[in-house]
Amino acid sequence: MSKFGELIDLKVPVLLDFYAEWNEQSTAMHPVLRDVAAALGSRGKVIKIDVDKNKELSQALRVKGLPTLMIYKKGEMVWRQSGEQDATTLMGILKEYV
């Protein structure tokens, strides 16, 4: 968990994607998140978290639906939503926190 704290305690927004390889909606988000990461550049960070490999963290954050997306800024969650999102929507939300 302390490693998680280091990941989210940044001055730039951090978009977390909780996913599973067996979940179709999760895998459909992979190219979208690549585009978002490329568009953000150094102004933000995109981190993918496999729920099967990080069960404790997923349970602690009450991740139920996949994919679950969260934005953290300076260690605090500022946005959260489950389900697929398109790159334009995600960039619009992230711009609020850049």
Foldseek 3Di string as FASTA:
>chain_A
DVVVQVQQQAQAKEKEWEAAPVDPQQVVCVVQLVVLCVVCPPRYYYYYHYCVVVVVVCVVVVPDAHTKMFIGHNRHTDDIDHTHDGNVVVNVVSVVRD
